Amino acid sequence: MTMIAITSTYCKRGMQILSLISFFAWEHLTNLPLNNGLVFFIADLLALDIDGSYRHDKDPLPECIYDFGWNKAGVDIGIRSALICPGCIQRINRKNMSLNEKGLFNDLQVILNDLGNASKWETDIIDYWKIHKVNAERHVHTQRNTQKKQKGVGTSM
């Protein structure tokens, strides 16, 4: 990850185990936090790992993670939308995915949902995860207490 301009028409370059992501002039593309952009680009790499057979190249669709990204200004709508379009979901579902790819696909869906929810409110994804982790822990604690009360555990008779 760098703030230096890369002398290529691509925002990111991937080679097996090395990916270079430039956030040069980020403030001209979006007002979203850099963390959201980093998570978006990691999600893009995960998506390509799941299915790299297609990118919206000739027919751009910036809200889909499988958009090629010719228009760098589309990064804002891409992060805020953080979705996989119906056509891409159908293509992926037709694919004979390995167990690892299925797990990655589930992870990708969770990441994109969180990223879209955080970004539409212009919240840093890290802050969003902190808030929702606490809420999830409270929910589990509340469920356990409710189950104990229903079973009569920990109540005086």
N, C-alpha and C. Protein backbone atom coordinates (compact mmCIF):
# COMPACT_ATOMS: atom_id res chain seq x y z
N MET A 1 0.85 -1.16 0.00
CA MET A 1 0.00 0.00 0.00
C MET A 1 0.91 1.23 0.00
N THR A 2 0.56 2.18 -0.83
CA THR A 2 1.38 3.39 -0.93
C THR A 2 0.51 4.60 -1.23
N MET A 3 1.04 5.77 -0.92
CA MET A 3 0.39 7.03 -1.28
C MET A 3 1.06 7.62 -2.52
N ILE A 4 2.04 6.90 -3.06
CA ILE A 4 2.79 7.35 -4.23
C ILE A 4 2.03 6.94 -5.49
N ALA A 5 2.06 7.80 -6.50
CA ALA A 5 1.41 7.48 -7.78
C ALA A 5 2.15 6.34 -8.45
N ILE A 6 1.40 5.41 -9.01
CA ILE A 6 1.98 4.31 -9.77
C ILE A 6 1.86 4.69 -11.24
N THR A 7 2.92 4.57 -11.98
CA THR A 7 2.91 5.00 -13.39
C THR A 7 2.30 3.93 -14.28
N SER A 8 1.07 3.59 -13.97
CA SER A 8 0.32 2.62 -14.73
C SER A 8 -1.13 3.10 -14.74
N THR A 9 -1.93 2.59 -15.66
CA THR A 9 -3.33 2.98 -15.70
C THR A 9 -4.14 2.21 -14.68
N TYR A 10 -3.55 1.27 -13.99
CA TYR A 10 -4.25 0.47 -13.01
C TYR A 10 -4.05 1.01 -11.61
N CYS A 11 -5.09 0.89 -10.77
CA CYS A 11 -4.96 1.28 -9.35
C CYS A 11 -4.17 0.24 -8.59
N LYS A 12 -4.30 -1.00 -8.99
CA LYS A 12 -3.60 -2.07 -8.29
C LYS A 12 -3.02 -3.04 -9.31
N ARG A 13 -1.92 -3.61 -8.97
CA ARG A 13 -1.27 -4.58 -9.82
C ARG A 13 -1.09 -5.86 -9.01
N GLY A 14 -1.52 -6.97 -9.52
CA GLY A 14 -1.38 -8.22 -8.79
C GLY A 14 -0.46 -9.18 -9.50
N MET A 15 0.39 -9.82 -8.73
CA MET A 15 1.28 -10.84 -9.26
C MET A 15 1.39 -11.94 -8.21
N GLN A 16 0.73 -13.04 -8.43
CA GLN A 16 0.77 -14.18 -7.53
C GLN A 16 0.63 -13.77 -6.06
N ILE A 17 1.73 -13.40 -5.41
CA ILE A 17 1.68 -13.11 -3.98
C ILE A 17 1.92 -11.64 -3.66
N LEU A 18 2.10 -10.82 -4.69
CA LEU A 18 2.39 -9.41 -4.46
C LEU A 18 1.31 -8.55 -5.12
N SER A 19 0.73 -7.68 -4.34
CA SER A 19 -0.23 -6.71 -4.87
C SER A 19 0.19 -5.34 -4.42
N LEU A 20 0.20 -4.42 -5.34
CA LEU A 20 0.57 -3.04 -5.06
C LEU A 20 -0.69 -2.19 -5.20
N ILE A 21 -1.07 -1.51 -4.13
CA ILE A 21 -2.27 -0.69 -4.13
C ILE A 21 -1.87 0.75 -3.86
N SER A 22 -2.26 1.65 -4.77
CA SER A 22 -1.93 3.05 -4.60
C SER A 22 -3.16 3.85 -4.19
N PHE A 23 -2.99 4.67 -3.16
CA PHE A 23 -4.04 5.57 -2.73
C PHE A 23 -3.72 7.01 -3.10
N PHE A 24 -2.86 7.17 -4.10
CA PHE A 24 -2.49 8.49 -4.57
C PHE A 24 -3.75 9.24 -5.03
N ALA A 25 -3.92 10.46 -4.58
CA ALA A 25 -5.06 11.34 -4.93
C ALA A 25 -6.40 10.76 -4.48
N TRP A 26 -6.37 9.95 -3.43
CA TRP A 26 -7.58 9.33 -2.89
C TRP A 26 -8.66 10.37 -2.61
N GLU A 27 -8.24 11.50 -2.06
CA GLU A 27 -9.20 12.55 -1.67
C GLU A 27 -9.94 13.13 -2.88
N HIS A 28 -9.46 12.90 -4.09
CA HIS A 28 -10.15 13.38 -5.29
C HIS A 28 -11.17 12.35 -5.80
N LEU A 29 -11.10 11.14 -5.27
CA LEU A 29 -12.00 10.07 -5.71
C LEU A 29 -13.17 9.87 -4.75
N THR A 30 -12.91 10.06 -3.45
CA THR A 30 -13.94 9.81 -2.44
C THR A 30 -13.55 10.49 -1.14
N ASN A 31 -14.56 10.70 -0.29
CA ASN A 31 -14.28 11.22 1.04
C ASN A 31 -14.28 10.09 2.08
N LEU A 32 -14.35 8.86 1.63
CA LEU A 32 -14.35 7.72 2.54
C LEU A 32 -12.95 7.48 3.10
N PRO A 33 -12.87 6.90 4.30
CA PRO A 33 -11.57 6.63 4.91
C PRO A 33 -10.73 5.65 4.09
N LEU A 34 -9.42 5.80 4.20
CA LEU A 34 -8.50 4.89 3.51
C LEU A 34 -8.73 3.44 3.93
N ASN A 35 -9.09 3.22 5.21
CA ASN A 35 -9.34 1.85 5.67
C ASN A 35 -10.43 1.18 4.84
N ASN A 36 -11.48 1.94 4.50
CA ASN A 36 -12.55 1.39 3.68
C ASN A 36 -12.02 1.03 2.30
N GLY A 37 -11.15 1.88 1.75
CA GLY A 37 -10.56 1.58 0.46
C GLY A 37 -9.69 0.34 0.50
N LEU A 38 -8.91 0.19 1.55
CA LEU A 38 -8.06 -0.98 1.68
C LEU A 38 -8.90 -2.25 1.77
N VAL A 39 -9.95 -2.23 2.57
CA VAL A 39 -10.83 -3.40 2.68
C VAL A 39 -11.49 -3.69 1.34
N PHE A 40 -11.87 -2.64 0.61
CA PHE A 40 -12.47 -2.81 -0.72
C PHE A 40 -11.50 -3.51 -1.67
N PHE A 41 -10.25 -3.09 -1.67
CA PHE A 41 -9.28 -3.69 -2.57
C PHE A 41 -8.92 -5.11 -2.15
N ILE A 42 -8.93 -5.39 -0.86
CA ILE A 42 -8.72 -6.76 -0.39
C ILE A 42 -9.91 -7.63 -0.82
N ALA A 43 -11.13 -7.09 -0.70
CA ALA A 43 -12.32 -7.81 -1.16
C ALA A 43 -12.23 -8.10 -2.65
N ASP A 44 -11.72 -7.14 -3.42
CA ASP A 44 -11.55 -7.33 -4.86
C ASP A 44 -10.59 -8.49 -5.13
N LEU A 45 -9.51 -8.57 -4.39
CA LEU A 45 -8.55 -9.67 -4.56
C LEU A 45 -9.19 -11.00 -4.17
N LEU A 46 -9.98 -11.02 -3.10
CA LEU A 46 -10.69 -12.23 -2.71
C LEU A 46 -11.67 -12.66 -3.80
N ALA A 47 -12.40 -11.69 -4.35
CA ALA A 47 -13.36 -12.00 -5.41
C ALA A 47 -12.66 -12.64 -6.60
N LEU A 48 -11.52 -12.11 -6.97
CA LEU A 48 -10.78 -12.67 -8.11
C LEU A 48 -10.23 -14.05 -7.78
N ASP A 49 -9.92 -14.29 -6.52
CA ASP A 49 -9.45 -15.61 -6.11
C ASP A 49 -10.58 -16.63 -6.22
N ILE A 50 -11.80 -16.20 -5.94
CA ILE A 50 -12.98 -17.07 -6.03
C ILE A 50 -13.31 -17.35 -7.49
N ASP A 51 -13.33 -16.29 -8.30
CA ASP A 51 -13.65 -16.44 -9.73
C ASP A 51 -13.02 -15.30 -10.52
N GLY A 52 -11.93 -15.58 -11.15
CA GLY A 52 -11.25 -14.58 -11.96
C GLY A 52 -11.57 -14.68 -13.43
N SER A 53 -12.66 -15.38 -13.77
CA SER A 53 -12.98 -15.64 -15.17
C SER A 53 -13.64 -14.46 -15.87
N TYR A 54 -14.12 -13.48 -15.11
CA TYR A 54 -14.87 -12.39 -15.74
C TYR A 54 -14.68 -11.10 -14.94
N ARG A 55 -14.59 -9.99 -15.68
CA ARG A 55 -14.60 -8.64 -15.11
C ARG A 55 -15.52 -7.80 -15.97
N HIS A 56 -16.27 -6.89 -15.35
CA HIS A 56 -17.07 -5.93 -16.13
C HIS A 56 -16.06 -4.99 -16.78
N ASP A 57 -15.71 -5.30 -18.00
CA ASP A 57 -14.67 -4.55 -18.71
C ASP A 57 -15.30 -3.69 -19.79
N LYS A 58 -15.98 -4.32 -20.72
CA LYS A 58 -16.60 -3.58 -21.83
C LYS A 58 -17.89 -2.89 -21.40
N ASP A 59 -18.58 -3.45 -20.43
CA ASP A 59 -19.81 -2.87 -19.88
C ASP A 59 -19.59 -2.59 -18.40
N PRO A 60 -18.98 -1.46 -18.06
CA PRO A 60 -18.66 -1.16 -16.65
C PRO A 60 -19.89 -1.19 -15.75
N LEU A 61 -19.69 -1.70 -14.56
CA LEU A 61 -20.72 -1.73 -13.53
C LEU A 61 -20.01 -1.46 -12.20
N PRO A 62 -19.72 -0.17 -11.91
CA PRO A 62 -18.86 0.16 -10.77
C PRO A 62 -19.36 -0.31 -9.41
N GLU A 63 -20.66 -0.56 -9.29
CA GLU A 63 -21.15 -1.01 -7.99
C GLU A 63 -20.86 -2.50 -7.73
N CYS A 64 -20.45 -3.25 -8.74
CA CYS A 64 -20.12 -4.68 -8.59
C CYS A 64 -18.63 -4.85 -8.31
N ILE A 65 -18.29 -5.71 -7.37
CA ILE A 65 -16.89 -5.95 -7.03
C ILE A 65 -16.12 -6.50 -8.24
N TYR A 66 -16.81 -7.06 -9.21
CA TYR A 66 -16.16 -7.59 -10.40
C TYR A 66 -15.99 -6.56 -11.52
N ASP A 67 -16.26 -5.28 -11.23
CA ASP A 67 -15.99 -4.23 -12.20
C ASP A 67 -14.48 -4.09 -12.38
N PHE A 68 -14.04 -3.87 -13.60
CA PHE A 68 -12.60 -3.76 -13.85
C PHE A 68 -11.99 -2.50 -13.26
N GLY A 69 -12.76 -1.44 -13.21
CA GLY A 69 -12.27 -0.21 -12.60
C GLY A 69 -11.52 0.71 -13.54
N TRP A 70 -11.92 0.72 -14.82
CA TRP A 70 -11.28 1.64 -15.76
C TRP A 70 -11.45 3.08 -15.29
N ASN A 71 -12.66 3.40 -14.84
CA ASN A 71 -12.94 4.75 -14.36
C ASN A 71 -12.66 4.79 -12.86
N LYS A 72 -11.56 5.39 -12.47
CA LYS A 72 -11.15 5.41 -11.06
C LYS A 72 -12.17 6.13 -10.17
N ALA A 73 -12.96 7.05 -10.74
CA ALA A 73 -13.98 7.75 -9.96
C ALA A 73 -15.07 6.78 -9.50
N GLY A 74 -15.17 5.63 -10.12
CA GLY A 74 -16.16 4.62 -9.73
C GLY A 74 -15.86 3.95 -8.40
N VAL A 75 -14.67 4.21 -7.85
CA VAL A 75 -14.31 3.58 -6.58
C VAL A 75 -15.27 4.01 -5.47
N ASP A 76 -15.75 5.24 -5.49
CA ASP A 76 -16.67 5.73 -4.45
C ASP A 76 -17.97 4.93 -4.46
N ILE A 77 -18.60 4.81 -5.62
CA ILE A 77 -19.86 4.05 -5.70
C ILE A 77 -19.61 2.57 -5.44
N GLY A 78 -18.44 2.08 -5.86
CA GLY A 78 -18.10 0.68 -5.62
C GLY A 78 -18.00 0.36 -4.13
N ILE A 79 -17.35 1.22 -3.38
CA ILE A 79 -17.19 1.00 -1.94
C ILE A 79 -18.53 1.16 -1.23
N ARG A 80 -19.29 2.19 -1.59
CA ARG A 80 -20.58 2.42 -0.93
C ARG A 80 -21.58 1.32 -1.25
N SER A 81 -21.53 0.80 -2.48
CA SER A 81 -22.43 -0.29 -2.88
C SER A 81 -21.94 -1.62 -2.31
N ALA A 82 -20.65 -1.88 -2.51
CA ALA A 82 -20.01 -3.09 -2.00
C ALA A 82 -20.87 -4.33 -2.24
N LEU A 83 -21.14 -4.60 -3.50
CA LEU A 83 -21.99 -5.74 -3.81
C LEU A 83 -21.44 -6.57 -4.96
N ILE A 84 -22.07 -7.72 -5.13
CA ILE A 84 -21.83 -8.58 -6.29
C ILE A 84 -23.13 -8.56 -7.07
N CYS A 85 -23.06 -8.17 -8.34
CA CYS A 85 -24.29 -8.03 -9.14
C CYS A 85 -24.94 -9.39 -9.37
N PRO A 86 -26.24 -9.42 -9.68
CA PRO A 86 -26.95 -10.69 -9.90
C PRO A 86 -26.29 -11.58 -10.96
N GLY A 87 -25.79 -10.98 -12.05
CA GLY A 87 -25.14 -11.79 -13.09
C GLY A 87 -23.90 -12.49 -12.58
N CYS A 88 -23.12 -11.79 -11.78
CA CYS A 88 -21.90 -12.38 -11.22
C CYS A 88 -22.24 -13.44 -10.17
N ILE A 89 -23.28 -13.20 -9.38
CA ILE A 89 -23.70 -14.21 -8.40
C ILE A 89 -24.13 -15.48 -9.12
N GLN A 90 -24.90 -15.34 -10.20
CA GLN A 90 -25.32 -16.52 -10.97
C GLN A 90 -24.12 -17.27 -11.52
N ARG A 91 -23.15 -16.53 -12.06
CA ARG A 91 -21.94 -17.16 -12.61
C ARG A 91 -21.19 -17.93 -11.53
N ILE A 92 -21.04 -17.32 -10.37
CA ILE A 92 -20.32 -17.96 -9.26
C ILE A 92 -21.08 -19.18 -8.76
N ASN A 93 -22.40 -19.07 -8.65
CA ASN A 93 -23.20 -20.20 -8.18
C ASN A 93 -23.17 -21.38 -9.16
N ARG A 94 -22.97 -21.12 -10.44
CA ARG A 94 -22.87 -22.20 -11.44
C ARG A 94 -21.51 -22.90 -11.38
N LYS A 95 -20.56 -22.21 -10.79
CA LYS A 95 -19.20 -22.72 -10.71
C LYS A 95 -19.12 -23.86 -9.70
N ASN A 96 -18.34 -24.86 -10.02
CA ASN A 96 -18.13 -25.97 -9.09
C ASN A 96 -17.03 -25.53 -8.11
N MET A 97 -17.44 -24.87 -7.02
CA MET A 97 -16.47 -24.30 -6.09
C MET A 97 -15.93 -25.36 -5.13
N SER A 98 -14.66 -25.21 -4.83
CA SER A 98 -14.05 -26.05 -3.80
C SER A 98 -14.57 -25.60 -2.45
N LEU A 99 -14.31 -26.39 -1.42
CA LEU A 99 -14.71 -26.03 -0.07
C LEU A 99 -14.05 -24.72 0.35
N ASN A 100 -12.79 -24.53 -0.03
CA ASN A 100 -12.06 -23.31 0.27
C ASN A 100 -12.71 -22.10 -0.41
N GLU A 101 -13.08 -22.25 -1.68
CA GLU A 101 -13.73 -21.16 -2.42
C GLU A 101 -15.09 -20.82 -1.82
N LYS A 102 -15.83 -21.83 -1.36
CA LYS A 102 -17.13 -21.58 -0.72
C LYS A 102 -16.94 -20.77 0.56
N GLY A 103 -15.92 -21.13 1.33
CA GLY A 103 -15.63 -20.39 2.55
C GLY A 103 -15.22 -18.96 2.25
N LEU A 104 -14.38 -18.77 1.22
CA LEU A 104 -13.98 -17.42 0.81
C LEU A 104 -15.18 -16.61 0.34
N PHE A 105 -16.08 -17.27 -0.39
CA PHE A 105 -17.27 -16.58 -0.90
C PHE A 105 -18.14 -16.11 0.27
N ASN A 106 -18.32 -16.95 1.28
CA ASN A 106 -19.09 -16.55 2.46
C ASN A 106 -18.41 -15.37 3.17
N ASP A 107 -17.08 -15.46 3.31
CA ASP A 107 -16.33 -14.36 3.93
C ASP A 107 -16.48 -13.07 3.12
N LEU A 108 -16.39 -13.20 1.80
CA LEU A 108 -16.51 -12.04 0.93
C LEU A 108 -17.87 -11.36 1.10
N GLN A 109 -18.93 -12.14 1.20
CA GLN A 109 -20.26 -11.58 1.39
C GLN A 109 -20.36 -10.80 2.70
N VAL A 110 -19.79 -11.34 3.77
CA VAL A 110 -19.80 -10.66 5.07
C VAL A 110 -19.00 -9.36 4.99
N ILE A 111 -17.81 -9.43 4.38
CA ILE A 111 -16.96 -8.25 4.25
C ILE A 111 -17.67 -7.16 3.45
N LEU A 112 -18.26 -7.54 2.32
CA LEU A 112 -18.95 -6.55 1.47
C LEU A 112 -20.16 -5.95 2.20
N ASN A 113 -20.92 -6.77 2.92
CA ASN A 113 -22.07 -6.23 3.67
C ASN A 113 -21.61 -5.21 4.71
N ASP A 114 -20.57 -5.57 5.47
CA ASP A 114 -20.06 -4.65 6.47
C ASP A 114 -19.51 -3.37 5.83
N LEU A 115 -18.75 -3.54 4.75
CA LEU A 115 -18.15 -2.39 4.08
C LEU A 115 -19.22 -1.45 3.53
N GLY A 116 -20.24 -1.99 2.89
CA GLY A 116 -21.32 -1.17 2.36
C GLY A 116 -22.08 -0.43 3.45
N ASN A 117 -22.37 -1.16 4.55
CA ASN A 117 -23.08 -0.53 5.66
C ASN A 117 -22.27 0.58 6.29
N ALA A 118 -20.99 0.36 6.49
CA ALA A 118 -20.13 1.40 7.08
C ALA A 118 -20.01 2.58 6.13
N SER A 119 -19.79 2.31 4.86
CA SER A 119 -19.50 3.36 3.89
C SER A 119 -20.70 4.24 3.58
N LYS A 120 -21.89 3.67 3.57
CA LYS A 120 -23.05 4.51 3.26
C LYS A 120 -23.28 5.57 4.34
N TRP A 121 -22.73 5.35 5.54
CA TRP A 121 -22.82 6.33 6.62
C TRP A 121 -21.48 7.04 6.82
N GLU A 122 -20.56 6.83 5.88
CA GLU A 122 -19.23 7.46 5.91
C GLU A 122 -18.51 7.18 7.22
N THR A 123 -18.63 5.94 7.67
CA THR A 123 -17.99 5.47 8.89
C THR A 123 -16.77 4.64 8.53
N ASP A 124 -15.70 4.81 9.26
CA ASP A 124 -14.51 4.01 9.05
C ASP A 124 -14.86 2.55 9.37
N ILE A 125 -14.48 1.64 8.49
CA ILE A 125 -14.82 0.23 8.65
C ILE A 125 -14.30 -0.34 9.97
N ILE A 126 -13.15 0.14 10.43
CA ILE A 126 -12.59 -0.34 11.70
C ILE A 126 -13.51 0.06 12.86
N ASP A 127 -13.99 1.30 12.86
CA ASP A 127 -14.94 1.74 13.89
C ASP A 127 -16.24 0.94 13.82
N TYR A 128 -16.70 0.68 12.60
CA TYR A 128 -17.92 -0.10 12.40
C TYR A 128 -17.77 -1.49 13.01
N TRP A 129 -16.63 -2.13 12.73
CA TRP A 129 -16.41 -3.47 13.28
C TRP A 129 -16.31 -3.44 14.80
N LYS A 130 -15.68 -2.42 15.36
CA LYS A 130 -15.59 -2.31 16.83
C LYS A 130 -16.99 -2.21 17.43
N ILE A 131 -17.82 -1.35 16.88
CA ILE A 131 -19.18 -1.15 17.39
C ILE A 131 -19.99 -2.43 17.27
N HIS A 132 -19.93 -3.07 16.12
CA HIS A 132 -20.76 -4.25 15.88
C HIS A 132 -20.25 -5.49 16.59
N LYS A 133 -18.96 -5.55 16.88
CA LYS A 133 -18.43 -6.67 17.66
C LYS A 133 -18.98 -6.58 19.08
N VAL A 134 -18.98 -5.39 19.67
CA VAL A 134 -19.52 -5.19 21.01
C VAL A 134 -21.00 -5.54 21.03
N ASN A 135 -21.75 -5.08 20.03
CA ASN A 135 -23.18 -5.37 19.96
C ASN A 135 -23.43 -6.87 19.81
N ALA A 136 -22.62 -7.55 19.00
CA ALA A 136 -22.78 -8.99 18.82
C ALA A 136 -22.49 -9.72 20.11
N GLU A 137 -21.46 -9.29 20.86
CA GLU A 137 -21.14 -9.91 22.14
C GLU A 137 -22.27 -9.70 23.14
N ARG A 138 -22.86 -8.50 23.16
CA ARG A 138 -23.99 -8.22 24.05
C ARG A 138 -25.18 -9.10 23.71
N HIS A 139 -25.42 -9.28 22.41
CA HIS A 139 -26.55 -10.09 21.94
C HIS A 139 -26.38 -11.53 22.40
N VAL A 140 -25.17 -12.09 22.26
CA VAL A 140 -24.90 -13.46 22.68
C VAL A 140 -25.08 -13.57 24.19
N HIS A 141 -24.57 -12.60 24.95
CA HIS A 141 -24.70 -12.60 26.41
C HIS A 141 -26.17 -12.56 26.82
N THR A 142 -26.95 -11.72 26.16
CA THR A 142 -28.37 -11.60 26.45
C THR A 142 -29.09 -12.91 26.15
N GLN A 143 -28.75 -13.55 25.04
CA GLN A 143 -29.37 -14.82 24.68
C GLN A 143 -29.06 -15.89 25.73
N ARG A 144 -27.82 -15.93 26.19
CA ARG A 144 -27.43 -16.92 27.20
C ARG A 144 -28.22 -16.71 28.49
N ASN A 145 -28.33 -15.44 28.92
CA ASN A 145 -29.09 -15.15 30.15
C ASN A 145 -30.56 -15.54 30.00
N THR A 146 -31.13 -15.27 28.84
CA THR A 146 -32.53 -15.63 28.58
C THR A 146 -32.70 -17.14 28.63
N GLN A 147 -31.77 -17.87 28.02
CA GLN A 147 -31.85 -19.34 28.03
C GLN A 147 -31.72 -19.88 29.45
N LYS A 148 -30.84 -19.29 30.26
CA LYS A 148 -30.67 -19.73 31.65
C LYS A 148 -31.96 -19.51 32.42
N LYS A 149 -32.58 -18.36 32.24
CA LYS A 149 -33.83 -18.05 32.96
C LYS A 149 -34.94 -19.01 32.55
N GLN A 150 -35.00 -19.35 31.25
CA GLN A 150 -36.01 -20.26 30.77
C GLN A 150 -35.84 -21.66 31.35
N LYS A 151 -34.58 -22.04 31.60
CA LYS A 151 -34.28 -23.36 32.17
C LYS A 151 -34.32 -23.34 33.68
N GLY A 152 -34.42 -22.15 34.26
CA GLY A 152 -34.44 -22.02 35.71
C GLY A 152 -33.08 -22.01 36.34
N VAL A 153 -32.05 -21.88 35.54
CA VAL A 153 -30.68 -21.83 36.06
C VAL A 153 -30.41 -20.44 36.59
N GLY A 154 -29.87 -20.36 37.78
CA GLY A 154 -29.48 -19.07 38.35
C GLY A 154 -30.63 -18.26 38.89
N THR A 155 -31.81 -18.89 39.03
CA THR A 155 -32.94 -18.16 39.61
C THR A 155 -33.30 -18.78 40.93
N SER A 156 -33.75 -18.02 41.86
CA SER A 156 -34.15 -18.55 43.17
C SER A 156 -35.60 -18.97 43.13
N MET A 157 -35.89 -20.01 43.80
CA MET A 157 -37.28 -20.51 43.80
C MET A 157 -37.85 -20.41 45.18
